[in-house]
Structure formats: C-alpha cells, structure tokens
C-alpha atoms as a PDB file:
ATOM      1  CA  MET A   1     100.339  -8.981  51.498  1.00  0.00           C
ATOM      2  CA  SER A   2     101.382 -12.670  50.383  1.00  0.00           C
ATOM      3  CA  VAL A   3      97.960 -13.277  52.477  1.00  0.00           C
ATOM      4  CA  ALA A   4      95.826 -10.630  50.367  1.00  0.00           C
ATOM      5  CA  VAL A   5      98.242 -13.151  47.029  1.00  0.00           C
ATOM      6  CA  VAL A   6      97.188 -16.190  48.462  1.00  0.00           C
ATOM      7  CA  ALA A   7      93.654 -14.731  49.139  1.00  0.00           C
ATOM      8  CA  ALA A   8      93.102 -13.888  45.334  1.00  0.00           C
ATOM      9  CA  ALA A   9      94.555 -17.026  44.406  1.00  0.00           C
ATOM     10  CA  ASP A  10      92.089 -19.095  46.362  1.00  0.00           C
ATOM     11  CA  ASP A  11      89.192 -16.843  45.170  1.00  0.00           C
ATOM     12  CA  VAL A  12      90.314 -17.702  41.408  1.00  0.00           C
ATOM     13  CA  GLN A  13      90.303 -21.340  41.371  1.00  0.00           C
ATOM     14  CA  PRO A  14      86.985 -22.732  42.376  1.00  0.00           C
ATOM     15  CA  ARG A  15      86.045 -19.959  39.400  1.00  0.00           C
ATOM     16  CA  LEU A  16      88.092 -21.996  37.301  1.00  0.00           C
ATOM     17  CA  SER A  17      86.663 -24.648  38.521  1.00  0.00           C
ATOM     18  CA  MET A  18      82.867 -23.351  37.240  1.00  0.00           C
ATOM     19  CA  ARG A  19      84.254 -22.470  34.051  1.00  0.00           C
ATOM     20  CA  GLU A  20      85.680 -26.085  33.802  1.00  0.00           C
ATOM     21  CA  VAL A  21      82.952 -27.661  35.156  1.00  0.00           C
ATOM     22  CA  SER A  22      80.064 -25.637  32.357  1.00  0.00           C
ATOM     23  CA  ARG A  23      82.449 -26.316  29.564  1.00  0.00           C
ATOM     24  CA  ARG A  24      82.643 -30.150  30.205  1.00  0.00           C
ATOM     25  CA  ARG A  25      78.524 -29.919  30.061  1.00  0.00           C
ATOM     26  CA  ALA A  26      78.670 -28.070  26.856  1.00  0.00           C
ATOM     27  CA  ILE A  27      80.912 -29.918  24.782  1.00  0.00           C
ATOM     28  CA  LYS A  28      78.363 -33.259  26.888  1.00  0.00           C
ATOM     29  CA  ARG A  29      75.355 -31.762  25.596  1.00  0.00           C
ATOM     30  CA  PHE A  30      76.679 -30.776  22.277  1.00  0.00           C
ATOM     31  CA  LYS A  31      77.904 -34.632  21.583  1.00  0.00           C
ATOM     32  CA  TRP A  32      74.366 -35.555  22.871  1.00  0.00           C
ATOM     33  CA  SER A  33      72.954 -33.682  20.314  1.00  0.00           C
ATOM     34  CA  ILE A  34      74.621 -35.055  17.467  1.00  0.00           C
ATOM     35  CA  LEU A  35      74.357 -38.999  18.983  1.00  0.00           C
ATOM     36  CA  SER A  36      70.171 -38.407  19.467  1.00  0.00           C
ATOM     37  CA  PRO A  37      69.275 -38.677  16.233  1.00  0.00           C
ATOM     38  CA  LEU A  38      71.891 -41.691  15.247  1.00  0.00           C
ATOM     39  CA  ILE A  39      70.027 -43.359  18.466  1.00  0.00           C
ATOM     40  CA  ALA A  40      66.598 -42.796  16.779  1.00  0.00           C
ATOM     41  CA  LEU A  41      67.928 -44.083  13.236  1.00  0.00           C
ATOM     42  CA  MET A  42      69.051 -46.962  14.862  1.00  0.00           C
ATOM     43  CA  GLY A  43      66.509 -47.343  17.141  1.00  0.00           C
ATOM     44  CA  PHE A  44      63.732 -47.108  14.785  1.00  0.00           C
ATOM     45  CA  VAL A  45      65.272 -48.719  11.457  1.00  0.00           C
ATOM     46  CA  LEU A  46      67.870 -51.165  12.550  1.00  0.00           C
ATOM     47  CA  LEU A  47      66.917 -52.881  15.286  1.00  0.00           C
ATOM     48  CA  PRO A  48      64.038 -54.391  14.149  1.00  0.00           C
ATOM     49  CA  VAL A  49      65.323 -55.103  11.017  1.00  0.00           C
ATOM     50  CA  LEU A  50      68.251 -57.143  13.389  1.00  0.00           C
ATOM     51  CA  PHE A  51      65.033 -58.778  15.479  1.00  0.00           C
ATOM     52  CA  LEU A  52      63.520 -60.266  12.367  1.00  0.00           C
ATOM     53  CA  GLN A  53      67.151 -61.410  10.513  1.00  0.00           C
ATOM     54  CA  LEU A  54      66.631 -63.042  14.467  1.00  0.00           C
ATOM     55  CA  TYR A  55      63.448 -65.054  13.612  1.00  0.00           C
ATOM     56  CA  PHE A  56      64.328 -65.839  10.794  1.00  0.00           C
ATOM     57  CA  SER A  57      68.453 -67.579  11.684  1.00  0.00           C
ATOM     58  CA  LEU A  58      65.962 -68.903  14.511  1.00  0.00           C
ATOM     59  CA  HIS A  59      63.225 -70.415  12.568  1.00  0.00           C
ATOM     60  CA  GLN A  60      63.244 -72.434   8.906  1.00  0.00           C
ATOM     61  CA  TRP A  61      61.712 -70.905   5.904  1.00  0.00           C
ATOM     62  CA  THR A  62      62.038 -70.051   1.916  1.00  0.00           C
ATOM     63  CA  VAL A  63      59.726 -68.335   0.271  1.00  0.00           C
ATOM     64  CA  TYR A  64      57.642 -71.880  -0.981  1.00  0.00           C
ATOM     65  CA  LEU A  65      56.931 -72.606   2.803  1.00  0.00           C
ATOM     66  CA  GLY A  66      53.705 -69.658   3.290  1.00  0.00           C
ATOM     67  CA  SER A  67      53.770 -66.795   6.185  1.00  0.00           C
ATOM     68  CA  TRP A  68      56.984 -66.181   7.631  1.00  0.00           C
ATOM     69  CA  TRP A  69      55.773 -66.501  10.962  1.00  0.00           C
ATOM     70  CA  ASP A  70      54.556 -69.905  10.211  1.00  0.00           C
ATOM     71  CA  ALA A  71      58.050 -71.311   9.953  1.00  0.00           C
ATOM     72  CA  ASP A  72      59.829 -73.861  11.710  1.00  0.00           C
ATOM     73  CA  TRP A  73      61.581 -73.468  15.081  1.00  0.00           C
ATOM     74  CA  VAL A  74      64.975 -74.889  14.616  1.00  0.00           C
ATOM     75  CA  GLY A  75      67.091 -73.580  17.104  1.00  0.00           C
ATOM     76  CA  LEU A  76      70.470 -72.801  16.468  1.00  0.00           C
ATOM     77  CA  ASP A  77      70.787 -75.717  13.994  1.00  0.00           C
ATOM     78  CA  LEU A  78      71.144 -72.960  10.449  1.00  0.00           C
ATOM     79  CA  PHE A  79      74.572 -71.429  12.546  1.00  0.00           C
ATOM     80  CA  LYS A  80      75.608 -75.079  12.281  1.00  0.00           C
ATOM     81  CA  GLU A  81      74.930 -75.367   9.011  1.00  0.00           C
ATOM     82  CA  VAL A  82      76.381 -72.386   7.827  1.00  0.00           C
ATOM     83  CA  LEU A  83      79.577 -72.688   9.932  1.00  0.00           C
ATOM     84  CA  THR A  84      80.224 -76.040   8.486  1.00  0.00           C
ATOM     85  CA  ASP A  85      78.782 -75.016   5.342  1.00  0.00           C
ATOM     86  CA  PRO A  86      82.819 -75.875   3.262  1.00  0.00           C
ATOM     87  CA  ARG A  87      81.028 -72.432   0.951  1.00  0.00           C
ATOM     88  CA  PHE A  88      81.351 -70.825   3.400  1.00  0.00           C
ATOM     89  CA  GLY A  89      84.464 -70.991   4.551  1.00  0.00           C
ATOM     90  CA  TRP A  90      85.797 -70.461   0.960  1.00  0.00           C
ATOM     91  CA  ALA A  91      83.998 -67.535   0.958  1.00  0.00           C
ATOM     92  CA  ALA A  92      85.436 -66.613   4.162  1.00  0.00           C
ATOM     93  CA  VAL A  93      89.411 -67.070   2.821  1.00  0.00           C
ATOM     94  CA  ARG A  94      88.549 -64.600  -0.103  1.00  0.00           C
ATOM     95  CA  SER A  95      86.903 -62.246   1.221  1.00  0.00           C
ATOM     96  CA  LEU A  96      89.770 -61.958   3.607  1.00  0.00           C
ATOM     97  CA  MET A  97      92.459 -62.563   1.017  1.00  0.00           C
ATOM     98  CA  PHE A  98      90.424 -59.344  -1.280  1.00  0.00           C
ATOM     99  CA  ALA A  99      90.344 -57.197   1.711  1.00  0.00           C
ATOM    100  CA  THR A 100      94.021 -57.412   2.760  1.00  0.00           C
ATOM    101  CA  GLY A 101      94.822 -57.026  -0.932  1.00  0.00           C
ATOM    102  CA  SER A 102      93.027 -54.015  -2.297  1.00  0.00           C
ATOM    103  CA  THR A 103      93.947 -52.534   1.531  1.00  0.00           C
ATOM    104  CA  ILE A 104      96.864 -52.801   1.515  1.00  0.00           C
ATOM    105  CA  GLY A 105      97.772 -51.588  -1.687  1.00  0.00           C
ATOM    106  CA  CYS A 106      95.180 -48.508  -1.613  1.00  0.00           C
ATOM    107  CA  PHE A 107      97.553 -47.930   1.711  1.00  0.00           C
ATOM    108  CA  LEU A 108     100.244 -47.481  -0.320  1.00  0.00           C
ATOM    109  CA  MET A 109      98.596 -45.734  -3.088  1.00  0.00           C
ATOM    110  CA  GLY A 110      97.023 -43.365  -1.519  1.00  0.00           C
ATOM    111  CA  PHE A 111      99.872 -42.400   0.545  1.00  0.00           C
ATOM    112  CA  ALA A 112     102.613 -42.487  -1.853  1.00  0.00           C
ATOM    113  CA  LEU A 113     100.281 -40.140  -3.837  1.00  0.00           C
ATOM    114  CA  ALA A 114      99.877 -38.020  -0.450  1.00  0.00           C
ATOM    115  CA  TYR A 115     103.130 -37.822  -0.068  1.00  0.00           C
ATOM    116  CA  LEU A 116     104.166 -36.159  -3.293  1.00  0.00           C
ATOM    117  CA  MET A 117     101.574 -33.852  -2.869  1.00  0.00           C
ATOM    118  CA  TYR A 118     101.621 -32.747   0.994  1.00  0.00           C
ATOM    119  CA  LYS A 119     103.866 -29.855   0.436  1.00  0.00           C
ATOM    120  CA  PRO A 120     101.875 -26.635  -2.016  1.00  0.00           C
ATOM    121  CA  PHE A 121     102.613 -25.792  -5.429  1.00  0.00           C
ATOM    122  CA  ARG A 122     101.979 -24.514  -8.426  1.00  0.00           C
ATOM    123  CA  GLY A 123      99.058 -26.040  -9.987  1.00  0.00           C
ATOM    124  CA  GLN A 124      97.735 -28.323  -6.895  1.00  0.00           C
ATOM    125  CA  ALA A 125      94.636 -28.122  -6.988  1.00  0.00           C
ATOM    126  CA  LEU A 126      94.041 -29.613 -10.676  1.00  0.00           C
ATOM    127  CA  TYR A 127      96.949 -32.704  -9.522  1.00  0.00           C
ATOM    128  CA  TYR A 128      94.003 -33.245  -6.477  1.00  0.00           C
ATOM    129  CA  ILE A 129      90.818 -33.555  -8.834  1.00  0.00           C
ATOM    130  CA  ILE A 130      92.556 -35.753 -10.779  1.00  0.00           C
ATOM    131  CA  PHE A 131      93.087 -37.768  -8.037  1.00  0.00           C
ATOM    132  CA  ILE A 132      89.932 -37.713  -6.158  1.00  0.00           C
ATOM    133  CA  LEU A 133      87.892 -38.791 -10.048  1.00  0.00           C
ATOM    134  CA  PRO A 134      87.412 -42.552  -9.186  1.00  0.00           C
ATOM    135  CA  MET A 135      86.393 -42.638  -5.581  1.00  0.00           C
ATOM    136  CA  LEU A 136      83.846 -40.650  -7.716  1.00  0.00           C
ATOM    137  CA  THR A 137      83.217 -43.286  -9.934  1.00  0.00           C
ATOM    138  CA  VAL A 138      79.694 -44.924  -9.572  1.00  0.00           C
ATOM    139  CA  PRO A 139      81.465 -49.108  -8.643  1.00  0.00           C
ATOM    140  CA  VAL A 140      78.701 -50.309 -10.990  1.00  0.00           C
ATOM    141  CA  VAL A 141      79.925 -47.879 -13.529  1.00  0.00           C
ATOM    142  CA  VAL A 142      84.014 -48.965 -12.988  1.00  0.00           C
ATOM    143  CA  ALA A 143      82.455 -52.547 -13.675  1.00  0.00           C
ATOM    144  CA  TYR A 144      81.093 -52.015 -16.958  1.00  0.00           C
ATOM    145  CA  THR A 145      83.660 -50.358 -17.937  1.00  0.00           C
ATOM    146  CA  ALA A 146      86.568 -52.477 -17.275  1.00  0.00           C
ATOM    147  CA  GLU A 147      84.555 -54.790 -18.911  1.00  0.00           C
ATOM    148  CA  MET A 148      84.775 -53.670 -22.040  1.00  0.00           C
ATOM    149  CA  MET A 149      88.566 -52.873 -21.151  1.00  0.00           C
ATOM    150  CA  LEU A 150      89.523 -55.972 -20.388  1.00  0.00           C
ATOM    151  CA  TYR A 151      88.517 -58.786 -22.974  1.00  0.00           C
ATOM    152  CA  GLN A 152      91.527 -61.038 -24.535  1.00  0.00           C
ATOM    153  CA  SER A 153      92.069 -58.154 -27.631  1.00  0.00           C
ATOM    154  CA  GLY A 154      90.267 -55.335 -26.036  1.00  0.00           C
ATOM    155  CA  PRO A 155      92.732 -52.028 -25.613  1.00  0.00           C
ATOM    156  CA  ILE A 156      94.353 -52.682 -22.036  1.00  0.00           C
ATOM    157  CA  ASN A 157      96.581 -55.929 -23.263  1.00  0.00           C
ATOM    158  CA  ASP A 158      96.480 -54.319 -26.702  1.00  0.00           C
ATOM    159  CA  ALA A 159      98.462 -50.297 -24.713  1.00  0.00           C
ATOM    160  CA  ILE A 160     100.637 -53.387 -23.189  1.00  0.00           C
ATOM    161  CA  THR A 161     101.590 -55.267 -26.216  1.00  0.00           C
ATOM    162  CA  ARG A 162     102.115 -51.815 -27.599  1.00  0.00           C
ATOM    163  CA  ILE A 163     104.530 -51.255 -25.466  1.00  0.00           C
ATOM    164  CA  ILE A 164     106.478 -54.747 -24.325  1.00  0.00           C
ATOM    165  CA  GLY A 165     106.659 -55.874 -28.366  1.00  0.00           C
ATOM    166  CA  ILE A 166     105.116 -59.838 -27.007  1.00  0.00           C
ATOM    167  CA  GLU A 167     101.815 -60.582 -26.827  1.00  0.00           C
ATOM    168  CA  PHE A 168     100.309 -60.246 -23.510  1.00  0.00           C
ATOM    169  CA  LYS A 169      96.293 -61.725 -23.681  1.00  0.00           C
ATOM    170  CA  PRO A 170      96.227 -62.861 -20.301  1.00  0.00           C
ATOM    171  CA  ALA A 171      91.762 -63.951 -19.906  1.00  0.00           C
ATOM    172  CA  TRP A 172      91.371 -61.331 -17.137  1.00  0.00           C
ATOM    173  CA  LEU A 173      87.255 -62.248 -16.795  1.00  0.00           C
ATOM    174  CA  THR A 174      87.165 -66.001 -17.427  1.00  0.00           C
ATOM    175  CA  ASN A 175      90.764 -67.633 -15.479  1.00  0.00           C
ATOM    176  CA  PRO A 176      89.815 -68.488 -12.348  1.00  0.00           C
ATOM    177  CA  HIS A 177      93.410 -67.796 -11.088  1.00  0.00           C
ATOM    178  CA  ILE A 178      93.249 -64.028 -11.986  1.00  0.00           C
ATOM    179  CA  ALA A 179      89.618 -62.790 -11.521  1.00  0.00           C
ATOM    180  CA  LEU A 180      89.702 -62.276  -8.103  1.00  0.00           C
ATOM    181  CA  PRO A 181      93.323 -60.601  -8.409  1.00  0.00           C
ATOM    182  CA  THR A 182      91.681 -58.411 -11.656  1.00  0.00           C
ATOM    183  CA  VAL A 183      88.818 -57.010  -8.725  1.00  0.00           C
ATOM    184  CA  MET A 184      90.688 -56.256  -5.841  1.00  0.00           C
ATOM    185  CA  LEU A 185      91.994 -54.124  -8.581  1.00  0.00           C
ATOM    186  CA  LEU A 186      89.786 -52.486  -9.738  1.00  0.00           C
ATOM    187  CA  GLU A 187      88.802 -52.077  -5.916  1.00  0.00           C
ATOM    188  CA  ILE A 188      93.004 -49.918  -5.637  1.00  0.00           C
ATOM    189  CA  TRP A 189      92.155 -47.683  -8.176  1.00  0.00           C
ATOM    190  CA  ASN A 190      88.496 -46.944  -6.855  1.00  0.00           C
ATOM    191  CA  TRP A 191      89.167 -46.481  -3.221  1.00  0.00           C
ATOM    192  CA  THR A 192      93.365 -45.112  -3.218  1.00  0.00           C
ATOM    193  CA  PRO A 193      91.811 -41.677  -3.175  1.00  0.00           C
ATOM    194  CA  PHE A 194      90.137 -42.656   0.229  1.00  0.00           C
ATOM    195  CA  SER A 195      93.584 -43.213   1.814  1.00  0.00           C
ATOM    196  CA  PHE A 196      95.315 -40.445  -0.351  1.00  0.00           C
ATOM    197  CA  ILE A 197      92.787 -38.722   2.152  1.00  0.00           C
ATOM    198  CA  ILE A 198      93.055 -39.092   5.067  1.00  0.00           C
ATOM    199  CA  MET A 199      96.874 -39.809   4.893  1.00  0.00           C
ATOM    200  CA  LEU A 200      97.117 -36.632   3.135  1.00  0.00           C
ATOM    201  CA  ALA A 201      95.065 -34.786   6.161  1.00  0.00           C
ATOM    202  CA  GLY A 202      97.879 -37.006   8.367  1.00  0.00           C
ATOM    203  CA  LEU A 203     100.622 -35.629   6.885  1.00  0.00           C
ATOM    204  CA  SER A 204      99.368 -32.447   6.428  1.00  0.00           C
ATOM    205  CA  SER A 205      98.921 -32.205  10.658  1.00  0.00           C
ATOM    206  CA  ILE A 206     102.084 -32.721  11.772  1.00  0.00           C
ATOM    207  CA  PRO A 207     103.931 -30.798  13.967  1.00  0.00           C
ATOM    208  CA  LYS A 208     106.637 -28.787  12.273  1.00  0.00           C
ATOM    209  CA  GLU A 209     108.701 -29.238  15.291  1.00  0.00           C
ATOM    210  CA  PRO A 210     110.265 -32.400  15.728  1.00  0.00           C
ATOM    211  CA  ILE A 211     111.383 -32.248  11.658  1.00  0.00           C
ATOM    212  CA  GLU A 212     112.844 -29.333  12.028  1.00  0.00           C
ATOM    213  CA  ALA A 213     114.838 -31.076  15.116  1.00  0.00           C
ATOM    214  CA  ALA A 214     115.715 -33.770  12.635  1.00  0.00           C
ATOM    215  CA  GLU A 215     116.752 -31.748  10.078  1.00  0.00           C
ATOM    216  CA  ILE A 216     118.780 -29.695  12.352  1.00  0.00           C
ATOM    217  CA  LEU A 217     121.059 -32.972  13.929  1.00  0.00           C
ATOM    218  CA  GLY A 218     121.747 -33.585  10.644  1.00  0.00           C
ATOM    219  CA  ALA A 219     119.153 -36.351  10.114  1.00  0.00           C
ATOM    220  CA  SER A 220     118.565 -37.383   6.638  1.00  0.00           C
ATOM    221  CA  LYS A 221     115.367 -37.668   4.377  1.00  0.00           C
ATOM    222  CA  TRP A 222     115.058 -41.343   5.346  1.00  0.00           C
ATOM    223  CA  ARG A 223     115.060 -41.180   9.072  1.00  0.00           C
ATOM    224  CA  ILE A 224     113.081 -38.098   8.824  1.00  0.00           C
ATOM    225  CA  PHE A 225     110.737 -40.134   7.486  1.00  0.00           C
ATOM    226  CA  TRP A 226     110.594 -42.756   8.880  1.00  0.00           C
ATOM    227  CA  GLU A 227     111.921 -41.673  12.848  1.00  0.00           C
ATOM    228  CA  VAL A 228     109.699 -38.830  13.131  1.00  0.00           C
ATOM    229  CA  GLN A 229     107.130 -38.763  10.328  1.00  0.00           C
ATOM    230  CA  ILE A 230     106.083 -42.421  10.483  1.00  0.00           C
ATOM    231  CA  PRO A 231     105.327 -42.931  14.698  1.00  0.00           C
ATOM    232  CA  LEU A 232     103.749 -39.599  14.240  1.00  0.00           C
ATOM    233  CA  LEU A 233     100.932 -40.803  11.520  1.00  0.00           C
ATOM    234  CA  ARG A 234     100.264 -44.305  13.296  1.00  0.00           C
ATOM    235  CA  PRO A 235      97.303 -43.314  14.341  1.00  0.00           C
ATOM    236  CA  VAL A 236      95.886 -42.207  10.866  1.00  0.00           C
ATOM    237  CA  ILE A 237      97.775 -44.465   9.062  1.00  0.00           C
ATOM    238  CA  PHE A 238      95.708 -47.598  11.884  1.00  0.00           C
ATOM    239  CA  LEU A 239      92.472 -45.768  11.226  1.00  0.00           C
ATOM    240  CA  ALA A 240      92.767 -45.280   7.054  1.00  0.00           C
ATOM    241  CA  LEU A 241      93.732 -49.707   6.977  1.00  0.00           C
ATOM    242  CA  ILE A 242      90.844 -49.557   9.291  1.00  0.00           C
ATOM    243  CA  LEU A 243      88.258 -48.069   7.676  1.00  0.00           C
ATOM    244  CA  ARG A 244      89.175 -49.593   4.314  1.00  0.00           C
ATOM    245  CA  PHE A 245      89.518 -52.803   4.950  1.00  0.00           C
ATOM    246  CA  LEU A 246      86.050 -53.135   6.773  1.00  0.00           C
ATOM    247  CA  GLU A 247      84.680 -51.349   3.526  1.00  0.00           C
ATOM    248  CA  ALA A 248      86.476 -53.868   1.303  1.00  0.00           C
ATOM    249  CA  MET A 249      85.264 -56.858   2.979  1.00  0.00           C
ATOM    250  CA  ALA A 250      81.403 -55.688   2.205  1.00  0.00           C
ATOM    251  CA  GLU A 251      82.425 -54.496  -1.438  1.00  0.00           C
ATOM    252  CA  PHE A 252      79.942 -56.294  -3.666  1.00  0.00           C
ATOM    253  CA  PRO A 253      78.909 -53.959  -6.526  1.00  0.00           C
ATOM    254  CA  LYS A 254      82.131 -54.462  -9.160  1.00  0.00           C
ATOM    255  CA  THR A 255      82.028 -58.036  -7.984  1.00  0.00           C
ATOM    256  CA  TRP A 256      78.573 -58.768  -8.478  1.00  0.00           C
ATOM    257  CA  ALA A 257      78.181 -56.857 -11.589  1.00  0.00           C
ATOM    258  CA  LEU A 258      81.077 -58.243 -13.546  1.00  0.00           C
ATOM    259  CA  LEU A 259      81.627 -61.544 -12.433  1.00  0.00           C
ATOM    260  CA  GLN A 260      78.086 -62.594 -10.770  1.00  0.00           C
ATOM    261  CA  GLY A 261      80.590 -65.198  -8.280  1.00  0.00           C
ATOM    262  CA  GLY A 262      82.387 -66.259 -11.339  1.00  0.00           C
ATOM    263  CA  PRO A 263      84.175 -67.832 -13.507  1.00  0.00           C
ATOM    264  CA  GLY A 264      83.054 -70.876 -10.610  1.00  0.00           C
ATOM    265  CA  THR A 265      83.411 -69.699  -7.678  1.00  0.00           C
ATOM    266  CA  ALA A 266      86.533 -67.544  -7.636  1.00  0.00           C
ATOM    267  CA  THR A 267      85.014 -64.280  -6.879  1.00  0.00           C
ATOM    268  CA  GLU A 268      82.986 -65.978  -4.028  1.00  0.00           C
ATOM    269  CA  THR A 269      83.829 -63.161  -1.280  1.00  0.00           C
ATOM    270  CA  LEU A 270      80.750 -63.332   1.312  1.00  0.00           C
ATOM    271  CA  PRO A 271      78.824 -60.146   0.175  1.00  0.00           C
ATOM    272  CA  VAL A 272      78.110 -61.660  -3.574  1.00  0.00           C
ATOM    273  CA  TYR A 273      77.550 -65.694  -1.272  1.00  0.00           C
ATOM    274  CA  ILE A 274      75.520 -63.544   0.860  1.00  0.00           C
ATOM    275  CA  PHE A 275      73.545 -62.826  -1.537  1.00  0.00           C
ATOM    276  CA  ILE A 276      72.593 -65.536  -4.065  1.00  0.00           C
ATOM    277  CA  THR A 277      71.854 -67.944  -1.413  1.00  0.00           C
ATOM    278  CA  THR A 278      69.241 -65.370   0.060  1.00  0.00           C
ATOM    279  CA  TRP A 279      68.280 -63.871  -3.352  1.00  0.00           C
ATOM    280  CA  GLN A 280      68.778 -66.908  -6.296  1.00  0.00           C
ATOM    281  CA  TYR A 281      68.291 -70.105  -4.051  1.00  0.00           C
ATOM    282  CA  PHE A 282      65.683 -68.438  -2.222  1.00  0.00           C
ATOM    283  CA  GLN A 283      67.236 -69.979   1.746  1.00  0.00           C
ATOM    284  CA  ILE A 284      66.218 -66.769   3.464  1.00  0.00           C
ATOM    285  CA  SER A 285      66.867 -68.641   6.729  1.00  0.00           C
ATOM    286  CA  LYS A 286      70.255 -69.493   5.703  1.00  0.00           C
ATOM    287  CA  GLY A 287      71.377 -66.375   4.502  1.00  0.00           C
ATOM    288  CA  ALA A 288      70.624 -64.337   7.562  1.00  0.00           C
ATOM    289  CA  ALA A 289      71.945 -67.143  10.032  1.00  0.00           C
ATOM    290  CA  MET A 290      75.631 -66.095   7.477  1.00  0.00           C
ATOM    291  CA  SER A 291      74.343 -62.352   7.358  1.00  0.00           C
ATOM    292  CA  TYR A 292      74.668 -62.515  11.692  1.00  0.00           C
ATOM    293  CA  ILE A 293      77.880 -64.411  12.028  1.00  0.00           C
ATOM    294  CA  VAL A 294      79.399 -62.259   9.206  1.00  0.00           C
ATOM    295  CA  MET A 295      78.529 -59.469  11.179  1.00  0.00           C
ATOM    296  CA  VAL A 296      79.718 -60.868  14.838  1.00  0.00           C
ATOM    297  CA  MET A 297      83.075 -61.355  12.637  1.00  0.00           C
ATOM    298  CA  MET A 298      83.021 -57.664  12.209  1.00  0.00           C
ATOM    299  CA  VAL A 299      81.615 -56.665  15.435  1.00  0.00           C
ATOM    300  CA  VAL A 300      85.100 -58.365  16.323  1.00  0.00           C
ATOM    301  CA  ILE A 301      87.115 -56.484  13.751  1.00  0.00           C
ATOM    302  CA  VAL A 302      86.415 -53.425  14.973  1.00  0.00           C
ATOM    303  CA  LEU A 303      86.515 -54.283  18.870  1.00  0.00           C
ATOM    304  CA  ILE A 304      89.994 -55.320  18.118  1.00  0.00           C
ATOM    305  CA  ALA A 305      90.970 -51.713  15.415  1.00  0.00           C
ATOM    306  CA  ILE A 306      88.884 -49.679  18.392  1.00  0.00           C
ATOM    307  CA  ARG A 307      91.329 -51.401  20.910  1.00  0.00           C
ATOM    308  CA  ILE A 308      94.524 -50.593  18.850  1.00  0.00           C
ATOM    309  CA  LEU A 309      93.811 -46.937  17.596  1.00  0.00           C
ATOM    310  CA  ARG A 310      93.680 -46.610  21.696  1.00  0.00           C
ATOM    311  CA  GLN A 311      96.403 -47.685  22.727  1.00  0.00           C
ATOM    312  CA  GLU A 312      98.427 -45.326  20.026  1.00  0.00           C
ATOM    313  CA  LYS A 313      96.149 -42.832  21.110  1.00  0.00           C
ATOM    314  CA  GLN A 314      97.236 -43.220  24.534  1.00  0.00           C
ATOM    315  CA  THR A 315     101.252 -44.196  23.079  1.00  0.00           C
ATOM    316  CA  LEU A 316     101.167 -40.632  21.267  1.00  0.00           C
ATOM    317  CA  ASP A 317      99.504 -39.037  23.897  1.00  0.00           C
ATOM    318  CA  THR A 318     102.122 -39.921  26.615  1.00  0.00           C
ATOM    319  CA  VAL A 319     105.097 -38.813  23.761  1.00  0.00           C
ATOM    320  CA  TYR A 320     103.351 -35.073  23.997  1.00  0.00           C
ATOM    321  CA  GLY A 321     103.029 -34.933  27.618  1.00  0.00           C
ATOM    322  CA  ASN A 322     106.652 -36.430  28.742  1.00  0.00           C
ATOM    323  CA  LYS A 323     107.604 -33.704  25.934  1.00  0.00           C
ATOM    324  CA  ALA A 324     105.547 -30.953  27.894  1.00  0.00           C
ATOM    325  CA  ALA A 325     106.963 -31.546  30.575  1.00  0.00           C
ATOM    326  CA  GLY A 326     110.153 -32.166  29.301  1.00  0.00           C
ATOM    327  CA  ASN A 327     110.106 -28.380  28.028  1.00  0.00           C
ATOM    328  CA  SER A 328     108.007 -27.583  31.031  1.00  0.00           C
ATOM    329  CA  GLY A 329     110.764 -28.302  33.717  1.00  0.00           C
ATOM    330  CA  SER A 330     113.974 -26.750  30.594  1.00  0.00           C
ATOM    331  CA  GLY A 331     112.029 -23.630  31.410  1.00  0.00           C
ATOM    332  CA  SER A 332     112.323 -23.634  34.795  1.00  0.00           C
END
C-alpha cells in the first residue's frame, strides 16, 4: 500500500511542476503584453528626443546661429558651465526645499484624512468626493484662483483678520521670504488627495489578525498604531513619499502661472530656470545640458527609491514567512 502511495505522489509531482511552469509562462506573456507598448513608445518617441537633446548638450547653438546641424562642437563645456552656475545651484536648492516640504505636508495631511476615513461610516462617499476634488483641479486654475485670493487686501487675509481680531496682511505673492512657502501650501492643497488615496488603500489592506491579536493582549490604540499598523504600512508610506517627491521636483504650472520665478528669483526652481534659459534667453544648448543633469539626478533618486522599496518588501516577506513557519510548526 505504501509503495502505491509513493508512486502516486511521484506521479503528481511532475504534474504540479508542469502546471507551475505553465502558470509562470502565462504571467510572463501577460507582463510582456503590457510592457511592449511602453517599450515601443520609448523606442520610437522618447529615444530620438533624448539623442537630439544630447546633441544640443554637446554643441553650442542658439536660435540666432543659423542651422542647428552646423553648431560648433563644445564637448562637456556646457555641463561644466551649468555645474558652476550659482543660479542653477540655488534653483536646485529651492527645488529640493519645495519638494521636501510639500511632500511631507501632503503625506501628513493625506495620512491623517485616510486614517479618519478607512473605517466605513454613513456618508463616507460624500467625504471621498470632497477630499479628492483638489487633485482634479487644473494647476493653472489653482494658481489664478490663488492669485485673486492672496492679495494683501484679498479674502484670505480679510477672513484671518476677522477670526483673530488682529490685522493680518502678509504679502503672500510679493514678499521673497514667503513666496516659495506660499506655492508650497498650494501644492499641499492640490496634491494631498494623492497621498490620501494611497494611504487609504494601504490602511484598508492591512490584515486584521495582527491588530486583533494586539487588542486581545491589551495594547492601547496608540501602541497598535505605532507598533503594528505603521510597520505594516512602511512600503506604502515609502511609495507615497517617493512618488510625491518626484512629482514635486517637476512642478512647473503653478509656480510659473503665479510668479514666473519671482519676486526676483525667490521661486525660481529647476523647471522654471530651465524654461527661462531655453525659451526666454534662447540658450537651447545650455537648457539641454541642464535637462540632462536634472535627469541624471532624478535617475539616481529613483534607483535609491527602488532599492529602499525592495528592502522594505523583503523585510515584510521575511516577517510573514516567519509567521507562516511558526503557524505551521504550532499546527504540527
């Protein structure tokens, strides 16, 4: 009898292996069916643009020098010029400050709203619509509406003055010390729904077993939040922060429509400075070199982000693997 059982088991094993191989092949075909259009788009649209941009970066040309294919070869001189340009350095600092501040603000606001909303309650759908509306507003519309509301004698300052009972009239748009934080606040209002959606999905996907186990052991809500929910949410948190940071580094419409980099250069971030250099000063080659340097910066940030996300995923996989092993051991 035992010999028959062993023979049957040996016969089932190849079948399972063939099923597994077939499943993996199907997954691979599905992945390639999704990725192929993107790869084709990159090959036929993006790569020619990148090569043309590289050509301009290595040749000195402006719109006043005639045909672009007759531009003079300058090698890496433009890259050296950009890297030693103090204005470019300050634009990079402003971009990093803007991206960091707006990312943290969006995350804190979005996470707070998601934590309040992830448990079902009456009228929840209405709050979803209200919280997501800012993200659906066109950035240029946000900028022009803010311009009307943020004048010194505008409705925002008037409302705050009436609430606190003291005259409150900061120059939101003309004071170089607060112009960048003003745009940052607009960015936070505009993109908090993005963090809200990601964190809401993360909170909703947390397994109930760890939380129920902590409650049975008598843990407080704060300890459950800090020691159970936050560790499980770490990959989602890093994803929300990284995506928001990358988008904030490229923010252009609101800054340009509202202040055009002013007052002075107070809001001149990297996208604004590249636009001014390329399309107002018509220094096409220098603008192309700037774009390549910024692209390399962003690639480095993306690679670091991917590494962090992989480490977080491996940590969670290890935790769940140990938990599964412990359950199987206790069951046996």
